[in-house]
Amino acid sequence: MVLAVIDAAVLVLTLTDSHGPVRYVLGLVFGFVVPGWCVVGWMALREPFVEASLTLGVSIASVMILAQVLLSIHWWHLALCEDLLALVCLPILILQVRRTRSS
């Protein structure tokens, strides 16, 4: 649930073109955790170290791949990268929250 709130906050902050330390910290947390958790969260590994390691690795890899794609098509813009990731990740996080609450 916390990650869904962070995702929504990052999306709102980038769409409103806000700047400052809050956006910086939320952006870092978002980039290092949210994309990876969207994939790893479905696995329900129940091993905190493995989940944390996979989450960090998948997040960094997905951000790097998205950035490379945007650079390759000459469409690089950091806020656009954040918005695309946030828009893709938010529904997945909401589905994970619903799945957790129903079980």
N, C-alpha and C. Protein backbone atom coordinates (compact mmCIF):
# COMPACT_ATOMS: atom_id res chain seq x y z
N MET A 1 0.83 -1.19 0.00
CA MET A 1 0.00 0.00 0.00
C MET A 1 0.88 1.26 0.00
N VAL A 2 1.97 1.20 0.76
CA VAL A 2 2.88 2.35 0.85
C VAL A 2 3.47 2.65 -0.52
N LEU A 3 3.83 1.61 -1.26
CA LEU A 3 4.42 1.82 -2.58
C LEU A 3 3.41 2.40 -3.57
N ALA A 4 2.15 2.03 -3.44
CA ALA A 4 1.12 2.61 -4.30
C ALA A 4 0.95 4.10 -4.01
N VAL A 5 1.04 4.48 -2.74
CA VAL A 5 0.96 5.90 -2.38
C VAL A 5 2.17 6.66 -2.90
N ILE A 6 3.37 6.06 -2.77
CA ILE A 6 4.58 6.70 -3.29
C ILE A 6 4.47 6.85 -4.80
N ASP A 7 3.98 5.83 -5.48
CA ASP A 7 3.81 5.88 -6.93
C ASP A 7 2.87 7.01 -7.32
N ALA A 8 1.72 7.09 -6.67
CA ALA A 8 0.76 8.15 -6.98
C ALA A 8 1.34 9.53 -6.68
N ALA A 9 2.09 9.66 -5.58
CA ALA A 9 2.70 10.95 -5.23
C ALA A 9 3.72 11.37 -6.26
N VAL A 10 4.55 10.43 -6.72
CA VAL A 10 5.54 10.75 -7.75
C VAL A 10 4.84 11.17 -9.03
N LEU A 11 3.79 10.49 -9.39
CA LEU A 11 3.04 10.85 -10.60
C LEU A 11 2.46 12.25 -10.49
N VAL A 12 1.86 12.58 -9.37
CA VAL A 12 1.30 13.92 -9.17
C VAL A 12 2.40 14.98 -9.18
N LEU A 13 3.51 14.71 -8.50
CA LEU A 13 4.60 15.69 -8.44
C LEU A 13 5.22 15.94 -9.81
N THR A 14 5.36 14.91 -10.64
CA THR A 14 5.93 15.14 -11.96
C THR A 14 4.93 15.81 -12.89
N LEU A 15 3.67 15.46 -12.78
CA LEU A 15 2.67 16.09 -13.65
C LEU A 15 2.46 17.57 -13.31
N THR A 16 2.62 17.92 -12.04
CA THR A 16 2.47 19.33 -11.63
C THR A 16 3.79 20.08 -11.72
N ASP A 17 4.85 19.40 -12.15
CA ASP A 17 6.18 20.00 -12.32
C ASP A 17 6.70 20.60 -11.02
N SER A 18 6.47 19.88 -9.93
CA SER A 18 6.97 20.32 -8.63
C SER A 18 8.44 19.92 -8.47
N HIS A 19 9.17 20.70 -7.70
CA HIS A 19 10.58 20.43 -7.46
C HIS A 19 10.86 20.57 -5.97
N GLY A 20 11.96 20.00 -5.53
CA GLY A 20 12.35 20.14 -4.14
C GLY A 20 12.79 18.82 -3.55
N PRO A 21 13.13 18.84 -2.28
CA PRO A 21 13.66 17.63 -1.64
C PRO A 21 12.65 16.49 -1.54
N VAL A 22 11.38 16.81 -1.40
CA VAL A 22 10.37 15.75 -1.29
C VAL A 22 10.30 14.97 -2.60
N ARG A 23 10.26 15.69 -3.72
CA ARG A 23 10.22 15.00 -5.02
C ARG A 23 11.50 14.21 -5.25
N TYR A 24 12.62 14.76 -4.82
CA TYR A 24 13.91 14.08 -4.99
C TYR A 24 13.92 12.76 -4.23
N VAL A 25 13.54 12.78 -2.97
CA VAL A 25 13.55 11.57 -2.15
C VAL A 25 12.52 10.57 -2.65
N LEU A 26 11.31 11.03 -2.95
CA LEU A 26 10.29 10.12 -3.46
C LEU A 26 10.70 9.53 -4.81
N GLY A 27 11.35 10.34 -5.64
CA GLY A 27 11.83 9.84 -6.93
C GLY A 27 12.88 8.75 -6.78
N LEU A 28 13.78 8.93 -5.82
CA LEU A 28 14.79 7.90 -5.57
C LEU A 28 14.16 6.61 -5.05
N VAL A 29 13.27 6.75 -4.08
CA VAL A 29 12.60 5.57 -3.53
C VAL A 29 11.80 4.88 -4.63
N PHE A 30 11.10 5.67 -5.41
CA PHE A 30 10.31 5.13 -6.52
C PHE A 30 11.20 4.36 -7.49
N GLY A 31 12.27 4.97 -7.94
CA GLY A 31 13.13 4.35 -8.94
C GLY A 31 13.82 3.09 -8.47
N PHE A 32 14.18 3.03 -7.18
CA PHE A 32 14.89 1.87 -6.66
C PHE A 32 13.98 0.75 -6.17
N VAL A 33 12.70 1.03 -5.95
CA VAL A 33 11.85 0.01 -5.33
C VAL A 33 10.62 -0.35 -6.16
N VAL A 34 9.88 0.63 -6.64
CA VAL A 34 8.55 0.36 -7.21
C VAL A 34 8.56 -0.54 -8.44
N PRO A 35 9.36 -0.25 -9.48
CA PRO A 35 9.29 -1.15 -10.66
C PRO A 35 9.66 -2.59 -10.33
N GLY A 36 10.63 -2.78 -9.46
CA GLY A 36 11.01 -4.14 -9.08
C GLY A 36 9.94 -4.84 -8.28
N TRP A 37 9.31 -4.12 -7.36
CA TRP A 37 8.28 -4.74 -6.53
C TRP A 37 7.06 -5.12 -7.36
N CYS A 38 6.81 -4.40 -8.44
CA CYS A 38 5.70 -4.76 -9.33
C CYS A 38 5.88 -6.16 -9.90
N VAL A 39 7.12 -6.57 -10.08
CA VAL A 39 7.41 -7.90 -10.60
C VAL A 39 7.60 -8.90 -9.45
N VAL A 40 8.42 -8.55 -8.48
CA VAL A 40 8.79 -9.48 -7.40
C VAL A 40 7.63 -9.70 -6.43
N GLY A 41 6.79 -8.70 -6.24
CA GLY A 41 5.68 -8.82 -5.30
C GLY A 41 4.73 -9.96 -5.62
N TRP A 42 4.55 -10.28 -6.90
CA TRP A 42 3.66 -11.36 -7.30
C TRP A 42 4.22 -12.72 -6.92
N MET A 43 5.54 -12.80 -6.75
CA MET A 43 6.18 -14.10 -6.48
C MET A 43 5.94 -14.60 -5.06
N ALA A 44 5.72 -13.71 -4.12
CA ALA A 44 5.50 -14.07 -2.71
C ALA A 44 6.56 -15.04 -2.22
N LEU A 45 7.81 -14.63 -2.28
CA LEU A 45 8.93 -15.50 -1.95
C LEU A 45 9.06 -15.76 -0.46
N ARG A 46 8.63 -14.87 0.38
CA ARG A 46 8.69 -14.99 1.84
C ARG A 46 10.11 -15.07 2.38
N GLU A 47 11.06 -14.63 1.61
CA GLU A 47 12.46 -14.51 2.05
C GLU A 47 12.84 -13.04 1.90
N PRO A 48 12.86 -12.28 2.99
CA PRO A 48 13.07 -10.84 2.90
C PRO A 48 14.35 -10.43 2.15
N PHE A 49 15.46 -11.12 2.39
CA PHE A 49 16.70 -10.75 1.71
C PHE A 49 16.60 -10.99 0.21
N VAL A 50 16.02 -12.11 -0.18
CA VAL A 50 15.87 -12.43 -1.60
C VAL A 50 14.91 -11.44 -2.25
N GLU A 51 13.79 -11.15 -1.59
CA GLU A 51 12.83 -10.19 -2.14
C GLU A 51 13.45 -8.81 -2.31
N ALA A 52 14.20 -8.35 -1.30
CA ALA A 52 14.84 -7.03 -1.37
C ALA A 52 15.88 -6.98 -2.47
N SER A 53 16.69 -8.02 -2.58
CA SER A 53 17.72 -8.06 -3.61
C SER A 53 17.12 -8.08 -5.01
N LEU A 54 16.14 -8.93 -5.22
CA LEU A 54 15.48 -9.00 -6.52
C LEU A 54 14.76 -7.71 -6.86
N THR A 55 14.12 -7.10 -5.87
CA THR A 55 13.41 -5.85 -6.10
C THR A 55 14.37 -4.76 -6.56
N LEU A 56 15.48 -4.62 -5.87
CA LEU A 56 16.47 -3.62 -6.25
C LEU A 56 17.04 -3.90 -7.63
N GLY A 57 17.40 -5.14 -7.90
CA GLY A 57 17.97 -5.49 -9.20
C GLY A 57 17.02 -5.28 -10.36
N VAL A 58 15.77 -5.72 -10.19
CA VAL A 58 14.78 -5.56 -11.25
C VAL A 58 14.46 -4.08 -11.45
N SER A 59 14.40 -3.31 -10.37
CA SER A 59 14.12 -1.87 -10.50
C SER A 59 15.20 -1.16 -11.29
N ILE A 60 16.44 -1.39 -10.92
CA ILE A 60 17.55 -0.73 -11.62
C ILE A 60 17.59 -1.16 -13.08
N ALA A 61 17.41 -2.44 -13.34
CA ALA A 61 17.44 -2.93 -14.71
C ALA A 61 16.30 -2.33 -15.54
N SER A 62 15.10 -2.26 -14.99
CA SER A 62 13.97 -1.73 -15.75
C SER A 62 14.11 -0.24 -16.02
N VAL A 63 14.63 0.50 -15.04
CA VAL A 63 14.84 1.94 -15.25
C VAL A 63 15.91 2.15 -16.32
N MET A 64 16.97 1.36 -16.29
CA MET A 64 18.03 1.49 -17.29
C MET A 64 17.52 1.13 -18.69
N ILE A 65 16.73 0.08 -18.80
CA ILE A 65 16.20 -0.31 -20.11
C ILE A 65 15.25 0.74 -20.64
N LEU A 66 14.36 1.26 -19.80
CA LEU A 66 13.45 2.32 -20.24
C LEU A 66 14.22 3.56 -20.67
N ALA A 67 15.23 3.94 -19.91
CA ALA A 67 16.04 5.11 -20.28
C ALA A 67 16.75 4.88 -21.61
N GLN A 68 17.27 3.69 -21.83
CA GLN A 68 17.95 3.40 -23.08
C GLN A 68 16.99 3.43 -24.26
N VAL A 69 15.79 2.91 -24.08
CA VAL A 69 14.78 2.95 -25.14
C VAL A 69 14.43 4.40 -25.47
N LEU A 70 14.19 5.21 -24.44
CA LEU A 70 13.85 6.61 -24.67
C LEU A 70 14.99 7.36 -25.35
N LEU A 71 16.23 7.06 -24.97
CA LEU A 71 17.38 7.68 -25.63
C LEU A 71 17.48 7.25 -27.09
N SER A 72 17.22 5.99 -27.34
CA SER A 72 17.34 5.45 -28.70
C SER A 72 16.32 6.05 -29.65
N ILE A 73 15.15 6.36 -29.14
CA ILE A 73 14.12 6.94 -30.03
C ILE A 73 14.11 8.47 -29.94
N HIS A 74 15.15 9.03 -29.33
CA HIS A 74 15.31 10.48 -29.20
C HIS A 74 14.12 11.14 -28.52
N TRP A 75 13.67 10.51 -27.45
CA TRP A 75 12.51 11.00 -26.71
C TRP A 75 12.85 11.12 -25.24
N TRP A 76 14.14 11.36 -24.94
CA TRP A 76 14.60 11.35 -23.55
C TRP A 76 14.10 12.57 -22.80
N HIS A 77 13.44 12.32 -21.71
CA HIS A 77 13.02 13.35 -20.77
C HIS A 77 12.79 12.64 -19.44
N LEU A 78 13.49 13.06 -18.41
CA LEU A 78 13.44 12.36 -17.13
C LEU A 78 12.03 12.31 -16.54
N ALA A 79 11.30 13.41 -16.63
CA ALA A 79 9.93 13.41 -16.10
C ALA A 79 9.05 12.45 -16.88
N LEU A 80 9.27 12.36 -18.19
CA LEU A 80 8.50 11.41 -19.00
C LEU A 80 8.80 9.98 -18.58
N CYS A 81 10.06 9.70 -18.30
CA CYS A 81 10.46 8.37 -17.84
C CYS A 81 9.75 8.04 -16.52
N GLU A 82 9.74 8.98 -15.59
CA GLU A 82 9.04 8.76 -14.31
C GLU A 82 7.55 8.57 -14.52
N ASP A 83 6.95 9.39 -15.38
CA ASP A 83 5.52 9.28 -15.63
C ASP A 83 5.16 7.93 -16.25
N LEU A 84 5.95 7.48 -17.23
CA LEU A 84 5.66 6.20 -17.86
C LEU A 84 5.74 5.05 -16.86
N LEU A 85 6.80 5.05 -16.06
CA LEU A 85 6.93 4.00 -15.05
C LEU A 85 5.80 4.06 -14.02
N ALA A 86 5.47 5.27 -13.58
CA ALA A 86 4.41 5.41 -12.57
C ALA A 86 3.06 4.95 -13.13
N LEU A 87 2.78 5.29 -14.38
CA LEU A 87 1.51 4.89 -14.99
C LEU A 87 1.42 3.38 -15.19
N VAL A 88 2.54 2.75 -15.49
CA VAL A 88 2.54 1.30 -15.66
C VAL A 88 2.46 0.59 -14.31
N CYS A 89 3.16 1.11 -13.32
CA CYS A 89 3.26 0.43 -12.02
C CYS A 89 2.04 0.61 -11.12
N LEU A 90 1.36 1.74 -11.21
CA LEU A 90 0.25 2.01 -10.28
C LEU A 90 -0.86 0.96 -10.34
N PRO A 91 -1.36 0.58 -11.52
CA PRO A 91 -2.41 -0.46 -11.52
C PRO A 91 -1.92 -1.80 -10.98
N ILE A 92 -0.66 -2.12 -11.24
CA ILE A 92 -0.11 -3.38 -10.75
C ILE A 92 -0.05 -3.38 -9.23
N LEU A 93 0.39 -2.26 -8.66
CA LEU A 93 0.45 -2.15 -7.20
C LEU A 93 -0.94 -2.22 -6.57
N ILE A 94 -1.90 -1.59 -7.20
CA ILE A 94 -3.28 -1.64 -6.69
C ILE A 94 -3.81 -3.07 -6.72
N LEU A 95 -3.53 -3.80 -7.80
CA LEU A 95 -3.95 -5.20 -7.87
C LEU A 95 -3.27 -6.04 -6.79
N GLN A 96 -2.01 -5.76 -6.50
CA GLN A 96 -1.32 -6.49 -5.45
C GLN A 96 -1.93 -6.21 -4.08
N VAL A 97 -2.31 -4.96 -3.84
CA VAL A 97 -2.96 -4.61 -2.56
C VAL A 97 -4.29 -5.34 -2.44
N ARG A 98 -5.06 -5.37 -3.50
CA ARG A 98 -6.36 -6.07 -3.46
C ARG A 98 -6.18 -7.56 -3.23
N ARG A 99 -5.15 -8.14 -3.87
CA ARG A 99 -4.88 -9.57 -3.71
C ARG A 99 -4.50 -9.90 -2.28
N THR A 100 -3.69 -9.02 -1.67
CA THR A 100 -3.23 -9.23 -0.31
C THR A 100 -4.40 -9.11 0.67
N ARG A 101 -5.27 -8.15 0.45
CA ARG A 101 -6.41 -7.95 1.36
C ARG A 101 -7.43 -9.07 1.24
N SER A 102 -7.58 -9.65 0.05
CA SER A 102 -8.60 -10.70 -0.12
C SER A 102 -8.13 -12.06 0.39
N SER A 103 -6.81 -12.22 0.57
CA SER A 103 -6.34 -13.54 1.05
C SER A 103 -6.12 -13.59 2.53
